Amino acid sequence: MSELITYHAEDGIATLTLSNGKVNAISPELIATFHTLLDRAEQERAVVVITGQPGILSGGYDLKVMGAGPKQAVDLVSAGSALTRRLLAHPFPVVIACPGNAVAKGAFLLLAADYRIGIEGPYKICLNEVQIGMTMHHAGIELARDRLRRSAFHRAVINAEVFDPHAAVDAGFLDQVVPAAQLQETALNVARELKKLNMLAHKNTKLKVRHGLLAALDEAIVRDQAHLG
C-alpha cells in the first residue's frame, strides 16, 4: 500500500485509489507508484479499476513541480505521457470510476482507459491548459483527437470547454454516468463483465485498434521533449 495510491485486489480486480492531497496532483512520485502498481496488477492478471477521493479524480499535474523550472516541467509531462501510453496498451482491461473533477491530466486519464464511469453532479471535466496559459502538448492533442468525438475535440482542446458529466459522455470523456452511491458497485460490475473476456484476444485487439494512436503518441512524446525543452 502506498500513501499516494492505495491498492486493493479481490477476485481478479485491482482497485487503485489516487490519494495525493485534495486535488490528487499527478507528481513524479505518484507516476512512479502508478507504474509499480500496474506491474503488480499485470502480474496478478487483474482487471484494473482506477478511482480517486470523493469529489476528485485528479486536478492534473503537480503545479509545484511544473513551476520549479523548465526541465522539471518537461520531465513531468513526458512521464505523464508515458503513463498514458502504458494505460492505453495495458494487456488487461482498465476501468476508471470518476468520483468528481477531472481536470487537465485528470481528464487525460479518462481518455486513456477502456471504460469510464462518472457520477452525477455539478463537477467539471475539462482540458484547461489554454485557459491557464499553457499551449497544449502534442501528446495531449493526439490522445484527444483519437478518443473524443469530432464535434467536441476542437471545443475541448482549443477552447478549454468545461463539460458536465452528461456532456462529457457525449464528448467522449465518459461512457456512463450513475448516482454517486452507485459508482463503486457499477465499476466493479463492469470489471466483472470484462473479466469474462479472453484476455489474450483483448490485448491483441486493443493493440491493433490503437496501433495508430500509440505510434502517434510515441512521435508526439519525442516532439514534446524537443519543443518544451
C-alpha atoms as a PDB file:
ATOM      1  CA  MET A   1       0.000   0.000   0.000  1.00  0.00           C
ATOM      2  CA  SER A   2       1.227   3.496  -0.838  1.00  0.00           C
ATOM      3  CA  GLU A   3       0.282   6.834   0.665  1.00  0.00           C
ATOM      4  CA  LEU A   4      -0.088   8.159  -2.893  1.00  0.00           C
ATOM      5  CA  ILE A   5      -2.126   5.305  -4.350  1.00  0.00           C
ATOM      6  CA  THR A   6      -3.811   2.560  -2.357  1.00  0.00           C
ATOM      7  CA  TYR A   7      -4.068  -0.905  -3.896  1.00  0.00           C
ATOM      8  CA  HIS A   8      -6.817  -3.390  -3.184  1.00  0.00           C
ATOM      9  CA  ALA A   9      -7.042  -6.714  -5.012  1.00  0.00           C
ATOM     10  CA  GLU A  10     -10.014  -9.030  -4.786  1.00  0.00           C
ATOM     11  CA  ASP A  11     -11.497 -11.631  -7.139  1.00  0.00           C
ATOM     12  CA  GLY A  12      -9.215 -10.701 -10.015  1.00  0.00           C
ATOM     13  CA  ILE A  13      -9.918  -6.958  -9.796  1.00  0.00           C
ATOM     14  CA  ALA A  14      -7.229  -4.493  -8.663  1.00  0.00           C
ATOM     15  CA  THR A  15      -8.543  -1.135  -7.454  1.00  0.00           C
ATOM     16  CA  LEU A  16      -6.043   1.732  -7.487  1.00  0.00           C
ATOM     17  CA  THR A  17      -7.237   4.746  -5.489  1.00  0.00           C
ATOM     18  CA  LEU A  18      -5.368   8.016  -6.008  1.00  0.00           C
ATOM     19  CA  SER A  19      -4.714   9.758  -2.702  1.00  0.00           C
ATOM     20  CA  ASN A  20      -2.322  12.667  -3.154  1.00  0.00           C
ATOM     21  CA  GLY A  21      -3.749  15.701  -1.419  1.00  0.00           C
ATOM     22  CA  LYS A  22      -7.045  17.440  -2.022  1.00  0.00           C
ATOM     23  CA  VAL A  23      -6.639  17.539  -5.835  1.00  0.00           C
ATOM     24  CA  ASN A  24      -4.798  14.233  -6.331  1.00  0.00           C
ATOM     25  CA  ALA A  25      -1.934  16.034  -8.042  1.00  0.00           C
ATOM     26  CA  ILE A  26      -0.040  13.988 -10.614  1.00  0.00           C
ATOM     27  CA  SER A  27       3.545  14.162  -9.362  1.00  0.00           C
ATOM     28  CA  PRO A  28       6.684  12.245 -10.376  1.00  0.00           C
ATOM     29  CA  GLU A  29       6.325  10.121  -7.249  1.00  0.00           C
ATOM     30  CA  LEU A  30       2.687   9.312  -7.992  1.00  0.00           C
ATOM     31  CA  ILE A  31       3.562   8.309 -11.564  1.00  0.00           C
ATOM     32  CA  ALA A  32       6.330   6.016 -10.310  1.00  0.00           C
ATOM     33  CA  THR A  33       3.898   4.433  -7.842  1.00  0.00           C
ATOM     34  CA  PHE A  34       1.341   4.044 -10.647  1.00  0.00           C
ATOM     35  CA  HIS A  35       3.835   2.027 -12.701  1.00  0.00           C
ATOM     36  CA  THR A  36       4.756  -0.173  -9.742  1.00  0.00           C
ATOM     37  CA  LEU A  37       1.110  -0.974  -9.033  1.00  0.00           C
ATOM     38  CA  LEU A  38       0.299  -1.571 -12.707  1.00  0.00           C
ATOM     39  CA  ASP A  39       3.199  -4.043 -12.722  1.00  0.00           C
ATOM     40  CA  ARG A  40       1.625  -5.774  -9.739  1.00  0.00           C
ATOM     41  CA  ALA A  41      -1.844  -5.849 -11.314  1.00  0.00           C
ATOM     42  CA  GLU A  42      -0.389  -7.241 -14.534  1.00  0.00           C
ATOM     43  CA  GLN A  43       1.419  -9.994 -12.630  1.00  0.00           C
ATOM     44  CA  GLU A  44      -1.870 -10.834 -10.914  1.00  0.00           C
ATOM     45  CA  ARG A  45      -3.694 -10.784 -14.297  1.00  0.00           C
ATOM     46  CA  ALA A  46      -6.219  -8.426 -12.762  1.00  0.00           C
ATOM     47  CA  VAL A  47      -8.697  -6.069 -14.356  1.00  0.00           C
ATOM     48  CA  VAL A  48      -7.732  -2.572 -13.170  1.00  0.00           C
ATOM     49  CA  VAL A  49     -10.146  -0.057 -11.649  1.00  0.00           C
ATOM     50  CA  ILE A  50      -8.735   3.446 -11.109  1.00  0.00           C
ATOM     51  CA  THR A  51     -10.542   5.925  -8.882  1.00  0.00           C
ATOM     52  CA  GLY A  52      -9.931   8.928  -6.642  1.00  0.00           C
ATOM     53  CA  GLN A  53     -11.267  10.588  -3.497  1.00  0.00           C
ATOM     54  CA  PRO A  54     -14.851  11.850  -3.116  1.00  0.00           C
ATOM     55  CA  GLY A  55     -15.260  14.837  -5.413  1.00  0.00           C
ATOM     56  CA  ILE A  56     -11.979  14.451  -7.287  1.00  0.00           C
ATOM     57  CA  LEU A  57     -10.293  12.109  -9.714  1.00  0.00           C
ATOM     58  CA  SER A  58      -7.370  14.475 -10.319  1.00  0.00           C
ATOM     59  CA  GLY A  59      -6.787  18.161 -10.861  1.00  0.00           C
ATOM     60  CA  GLY A  60      -3.789  17.485 -13.099  1.00  0.00           C
ATOM     61  CA  TYR A  61      -0.039  17.810 -12.810  1.00  0.00           C
ATOM     62  CA  ASP A  62       1.590  18.948  -9.577  1.00  0.00           C
ATOM     63  CA  LEU A  63       1.901  22.699 -10.085  1.00  0.00           C
ATOM     64  CA  LYS A  64       4.823  22.936  -7.660  1.00  0.00           C
ATOM     65  CA  VAL A  65       6.816  20.664  -9.965  1.00  0.00           C
ATOM     66  CA  MET A  66       5.581  22.414 -13.110  1.00  0.00           C
ATOM     67  CA  GLY A  67       6.723  25.755 -11.680  1.00  0.00           C
ATOM     68  CA  ALA A  68      10.084  24.525 -10.429  1.00  0.00           C
ATOM     69  CA  GLY A  69      11.774  25.028 -13.793  1.00  0.00           C
ATOM     70  CA  PRO A  70      11.645  24.056 -17.481  1.00  0.00           C
ATOM     71  CA  LYS A  71      13.449  20.744 -17.029  1.00  0.00           C
ATOM     72  CA  GLN A  72      11.201  19.634 -14.184  1.00  0.00           C
ATOM     73  CA  ALA A  73       8.101  20.575 -16.181  1.00  0.00           C
ATOM     74  CA  VAL A  74       9.273  18.767 -19.323  1.00  0.00           C
ATOM     75  CA  ASP A  75      10.246  15.686 -17.355  1.00  0.00           C
ATOM     76  CA  LEU A  76       6.856  15.550 -15.620  1.00  0.00           C
ATOM     77  CA  VAL A  77       4.861  15.998 -18.824  1.00  0.00           C
ATOM     78  CA  SER A  78       6.980  13.352 -20.562  1.00  0.00           C
ATOM     79  CA  ALA A  79       6.478  10.926 -17.678  1.00  0.00           C
ATOM     80  CA  GLY A  80       2.750  11.612 -17.706  1.00  0.00           C
ATOM     81  CA  SER A  81       2.541  10.965 -21.436  1.00  0.00           C
ATOM     82  CA  ALA A  82       4.437   7.699 -20.994  1.00  0.00           C
ATOM     83  CA  LEU A  83       1.919   6.665 -18.309  1.00  0.00           C
ATOM     84  CA  THR A  84      -0.918   7.483 -20.692  1.00  0.00           C
ATOM     85  CA  ARG A  85       0.655   5.309 -23.344  1.00  0.00           C
ATOM     86  CA  ARG A  86       1.074   2.456 -20.901  1.00  0.00           C
ATOM     87  CA  LEU A  87      -2.573   2.611 -19.837  1.00  0.00           C
ATOM     88  CA  LEU A  88      -3.708   2.595 -23.465  1.00  0.00           C
ATOM     89  CA  ALA A  89      -1.636  -0.542 -24.143  1.00  0.00           C
ATOM     90  CA  HIS A  90      -2.218  -2.290 -20.809  1.00  0.00           C
ATOM     91  CA  PRO A  91      -2.800  -6.001 -21.523  1.00  0.00           C
ATOM     92  CA  PHE A  92      -5.818  -6.216 -19.195  1.00  0.00           C
ATOM     93  CA  PRO A  93      -8.925  -4.010 -19.148  1.00  0.00           C
ATOM     94  CA  VAL A  94      -8.681  -0.636 -17.425  1.00  0.00           C
ATOM     95  CA  VAL A  95     -11.804   0.945 -15.900  1.00  0.00           C
ATOM     96  CA  ILE A  96     -11.971   4.411 -14.344  1.00  0.00           C
ATOM     97  CA  ALA A  97     -14.539   5.269 -11.674  1.00  0.00           C
ATOM     98  CA  CYS A  98     -14.561   9.068 -11.718  1.00  0.00           C
ATOM     99  CA  PRO A  99     -15.866  10.463  -8.395  1.00  0.00           C
ATOM    100  CA  GLY A 100     -15.679  14.139  -9.347  1.00  0.00           C
ATOM    101  CA  ASN A 101     -13.499  16.743 -11.039  1.00  0.00           C
ATOM    102  CA  ALA A 102     -11.148  15.506 -13.737  1.00  0.00           C
ATOM    103  CA  VAL A 103      -9.087  18.422 -14.991  1.00  0.00           C
ATOM    104  CA  ALA A 104      -6.110  18.559 -17.368  1.00  0.00           C
ATOM    105  CA  LYS A 105      -4.097  15.361 -16.756  1.00  0.00           C
ATOM    106  CA  GLY A 106      -7.072  14.074 -14.767  1.00  0.00           C
ATOM    107  CA  ALA A 107      -9.193  14.276 -17.910  1.00  0.00           C
ATOM    108  CA  PHE A 108      -6.407  12.678 -19.954  1.00  0.00           C
ATOM    109  CA  LEU A 109      -6.510   9.704 -17.575  1.00  0.00           C
ATOM    110  CA  LEU A 110     -10.145   9.252 -18.600  1.00  0.00           C
ATOM    111  CA  LEU A 111      -9.105   9.253 -22.256  1.00  0.00           C
ATOM    112  CA  ALA A 112      -6.533   6.513 -21.589  1.00  0.00           C
ATOM    113  CA  ALA A 113      -8.955   3.973 -20.074  1.00  0.00           C
ATOM    114  CA  ASP A 114     -11.077   1.278 -21.692  1.00  0.00           C
ATOM    115  CA  TYR A 115     -14.290   2.153 -19.846  1.00  0.00           C
ATOM    116  CA  ARG A 116     -15.119   5.295 -17.857  1.00  0.00           C
ATOM    117  CA  ILE A 117     -17.912   5.774 -15.307  1.00  0.00           C
ATOM    118  CA  GLY A 118     -18.684   9.157 -13.782  1.00  0.00           C
ATOM    119  CA  ILE A 119     -21.064  10.256 -11.074  1.00  0.00           C
ATOM    120  CA  GLU A 120     -23.969  12.637 -11.408  1.00  0.00           C
ATOM    121  CA  GLY A 121     -23.424  16.120 -10.036  1.00  0.00           C
ATOM    122  CA  PRO A 122     -22.127  19.652 -10.659  1.00  0.00           C
ATOM    123  CA  TYR A 123     -18.457  18.960 -11.243  1.00  0.00           C
ATOM    124  CA  LYS A 124     -16.196  19.572 -14.215  1.00  0.00           C
ATOM    125  CA  ILE A 125     -14.280  17.543 -16.745  1.00  0.00           C
ATOM    126  CA  CYS A 126     -12.013  19.621 -18.943  1.00  0.00           C
ATOM    127  CA  LEU A 127      -8.685  20.137 -20.626  1.00  0.00           C
ATOM    128  CA  ASN A 128      -7.969  23.570 -19.173  1.00  0.00           C
ATOM    129  CA  GLU A 129      -4.436  24.093 -20.493  1.00  0.00           C
ATOM    130  CA  VAL A 130      -5.352  27.002 -22.791  1.00  0.00           C
ATOM    131  CA  GLN A 131      -7.411  28.591 -20.015  1.00  0.00           C
ATOM    132  CA  ILE A 132      -4.387  28.716 -17.689  1.00  0.00           C
ATOM    133  CA  GLY A 133      -1.910  29.892 -20.324  1.00  0.00           C
ATOM    134  CA  MET A 134      -0.362  26.595 -21.437  1.00  0.00           C
ATOM    135  CA  THR A 135      -0.073  25.602 -25.080  1.00  0.00           C
ATOM    136  CA  MET A 136      -1.416  22.072 -25.415  1.00  0.00           C
ATOM    137  CA  HIS A 137       1.333  19.476 -25.794  1.00  0.00           C
ATOM    138  CA  HIS A 138       1.456  17.230 -28.876  1.00  0.00           C
ATOM    139  CA  ALA A 139       0.760  14.029 -26.945  1.00  0.00           C
ATOM    140  CA  GLY A 140      -2.356  15.536 -25.396  1.00  0.00           C
ATOM    141  CA  ILE A 141      -3.623  16.676 -28.787  1.00  0.00           C
ATOM    142  CA  GLU A 142      -3.143  13.221 -30.323  1.00  0.00           C
ATOM    143  CA  LEU A 143      -4.878  11.476 -27.429  1.00  0.00           C
ATOM    144  CA  ALA A 144      -7.823  13.874 -27.500  1.00  0.00           C
ATOM    145  CA  ARG A 145      -8.051  13.660 -31.293  1.00  0.00           C
ATOM    146  CA  ASP A 146      -8.397   9.886 -31.112  1.00  0.00           C
ATOM    147  CA  ARG A 147     -10.684   9.472 -28.081  1.00  0.00           C
ATOM    148  CA  LEU A 148     -13.026  12.484 -28.259  1.00  0.00           C
ATOM    149  CA  ARG A 149     -15.952  12.879 -30.633  1.00  0.00           C
ATOM    150  CA  ARG A 150     -15.006  15.025 -33.586  1.00  0.00           C
ATOM    151  CA  SER A 151     -17.637  17.617 -32.645  1.00  0.00           C
ATOM    152  CA  ALA A 152     -16.096  18.033 -29.188  1.00  0.00           C
ATOM    153  CA  PHE A 153     -12.380  17.780 -29.982  1.00  0.00           C
ATOM    154  CA  HIS A 154     -11.779  21.396 -31.010  1.00  0.00           C
ATOM    155  CA  ARG A 155     -14.014  22.744 -28.249  1.00  0.00           C
ATOM    156  CA  ALA A 156     -12.192  20.728 -25.603  1.00  0.00           C
ATOM    157  CA  VAL A 157      -8.628  21.324 -26.770  1.00  0.00           C
ATOM    158  CA  ILE A 158      -8.679  24.807 -28.324  1.00  0.00           C
ATOM    159  CA  ASN A 159     -11.468  26.427 -26.300  1.00  0.00           C
ATOM    160  CA  ALA A 160     -10.825  24.613 -22.982  1.00  0.00           C
ATOM    161  CA  GLU A 161     -14.566  23.960 -22.740  1.00  0.00           C
ATOM    162  CA  VAL A 162     -15.802  22.657 -19.393  1.00  0.00           C
ATOM    163  CA  PHE A 163     -18.101  19.625 -19.626  1.00  0.00           C
ATOM    164  CA  ASP A 164     -20.594  18.472 -17.039  1.00  0.00           C
ATOM    165  CA  PRO A 165     -20.892  14.684 -16.601  1.00  0.00           C
ATOM    166  CA  HIS A 166     -23.644  14.102 -19.158  1.00  0.00           C
ATOM    167  CA  ALA A 167     -21.992  16.381 -21.721  1.00  0.00           C
ATOM    168  CA  ALA A 168     -18.750  14.500 -21.026  1.00  0.00           C
ATOM    169  CA  VAL A 169     -20.453  11.272 -22.142  1.00  0.00           C
ATOM    170  CA  ASP A 170     -21.460  12.895 -25.426  1.00  0.00           C
ATOM    171  CA  ALA A 171     -17.953  14.336 -25.857  1.00  0.00           C
ATOM    172  CA  GLY A 172     -16.203  11.015 -25.232  1.00  0.00           C
ATOM    173  CA  PHE A 173     -14.635  11.545 -21.806  1.00  0.00           C
ATOM    174  CA  LEU A 174     -17.091   9.171 -20.097  1.00  0.00           C
ATOM    175  CA  ASP A 175     -19.100   6.130 -21.107  1.00  0.00           C
ATOM    176  CA  GLN A 176     -21.710   6.152 -18.347  1.00  0.00           C
ATOM    177  CA  VAL A 177     -22.998   8.363 -15.508  1.00  0.00           C
ATOM    178  CA  VAL A 178     -24.513   6.939 -12.313  1.00  0.00           C
ATOM    179  CA  PRO A 179     -25.565   8.290  -8.908  1.00  0.00           C
ATOM    180  CA  ALA A 180     -22.581   8.743  -6.600  1.00  0.00           C
ATOM    181  CA  ALA A 181     -23.760   5.989  -4.268  1.00  0.00           C
ATOM    182  CA  GLN A 182     -23.638   3.515  -7.155  1.00  0.00           C
ATOM    183  CA  LEU A 183     -20.195   4.387  -8.524  1.00  0.00           C
ATOM    184  CA  GLN A 184     -18.107   1.724  -6.798  1.00  0.00           C
ATOM    185  CA  GLU A 185     -20.512  -1.138  -7.384  1.00  0.00           C
ATOM    186  CA  THR A 186     -21.076  -0.113 -11.014  1.00  0.00           C
ATOM    187  CA  ALA A 187     -17.336  -0.046 -11.629  1.00  0.00           C
ATOM    188  CA  LEU A 188     -16.939  -3.470 -10.039  1.00  0.00           C
ATOM    189  CA  ASN A 189     -19.807  -4.856 -12.125  1.00  0.00           C
ATOM    190  CA  VAL A 190     -18.185  -3.519 -15.305  1.00  0.00           C
ATOM    191  CA  ALA A 191     -14.874  -5.042 -14.209  1.00  0.00           C
ATOM    192  CA  ARG A 192     -16.577  -8.390 -13.524  1.00  0.00           C
ATOM    193  CA  GLU A 193     -18.037  -8.392 -17.037  1.00  0.00           C
ATOM    194  CA  LEU A 194     -14.658  -7.511 -18.540  1.00  0.00           C
ATOM    195  CA  LYS A 195     -13.089 -10.389 -16.605  1.00  0.00           C
ATOM    196  CA  LYS A 196     -15.118 -12.733 -18.819  1.00  0.00           C
ATOM    197  CA  LEU A 197     -13.176 -11.664 -21.912  1.00  0.00           C
ATOM    198  CA  ASN A 198     -10.439 -13.778 -23.409  1.00  0.00           C
ATOM    199  CA  MET A 199      -7.538 -11.658 -22.212  1.00  0.00           C
ATOM    200  CA  LEU A 200      -5.132 -12.590 -24.990  1.00  0.00           C
ATOM    201  CA  ALA A 201      -7.739 -11.610 -27.571  1.00  0.00           C
ATOM    202  CA  HIS A 202      -8.465  -8.427 -25.612  1.00  0.00           C
ATOM    203  CA  LYS A 203      -4.791  -7.460 -25.533  1.00  0.00           C
ATOM    204  CA  ASN A 204      -4.130  -8.229 -29.192  1.00  0.00           C
ATOM    205  CA  THR A 205      -7.286  -6.480 -30.382  1.00  0.00           C
ATOM    206  CA  LYS A 206      -6.569  -3.438 -28.207  1.00  0.00           C
ATOM    207  CA  LEU A 207      -3.087  -3.143 -29.715  1.00  0.00           C
ATOM    208  CA  LYS A 208      -4.481  -3.449 -33.248  1.00  0.00           C
ATOM    209  CA  VAL A 209      -7.192  -0.866 -32.642  1.00  0.00           C
ATOM    210  CA  ARG A 210      -4.771   1.574 -31.012  1.00  0.00           C
ATOM    211  CA  HIS A 211      -1.753   0.936 -33.230  1.00  0.00           C
ATOM    212  CA  GLY A 212      -2.066   4.305 -34.957  1.00  0.00           C
ATOM    213  CA  LEU A 213      -2.660   6.189 -31.715  1.00  0.00           C
ATOM    214  CA  LEU A 214       0.280   4.535 -29.954  1.00  0.00           C
ATOM    215  CA  ALA A 215       2.578   5.348 -32.876  1.00  0.00           C
ATOM    216  CA  ALA A 216       1.329   8.944 -32.897  1.00  0.00           C
ATOM    217  CA  LEU A 217       1.947   9.202 -29.145  1.00  0.00           C
ATOM    218  CA  ASP A 218       5.485   7.860 -29.488  1.00  0.00           C
ATOM    219  CA  GLU A 219       6.231  10.551 -32.061  1.00  0.00           C
ATOM    220  CA  ALA A 220       4.429  13.229 -30.053  1.00  0.00           C
ATOM    221  CA  ILE A 221       6.364  12.470 -26.876  1.00  0.00           C
ATOM    222  CA  VAL A 222       9.650  12.988 -28.742  1.00  0.00           C
ATOM    223  CA  ARG A 223       8.321  16.225 -30.286  1.00  0.00           C
ATOM    224  CA  ASP A 224       7.194  17.484 -26.895  1.00  0.00           C
ATOM    225  CA  GLN A 225      10.586  16.814 -25.322  1.00  0.00           C
ATOM    226  CA  ALA A 226      12.284  18.799 -28.112  1.00  0.00           C
ATOM    227  CA  HIS A 227       9.710  21.588 -28.213  1.00  0.00           C
ATOM    228  CA  LEU A 228       9.149  22.060 -24.496  1.00  0.00           C
ATOM    229  CA  GLY A 229      12.832  21.652 -23.713  1.00  0.00           C
END
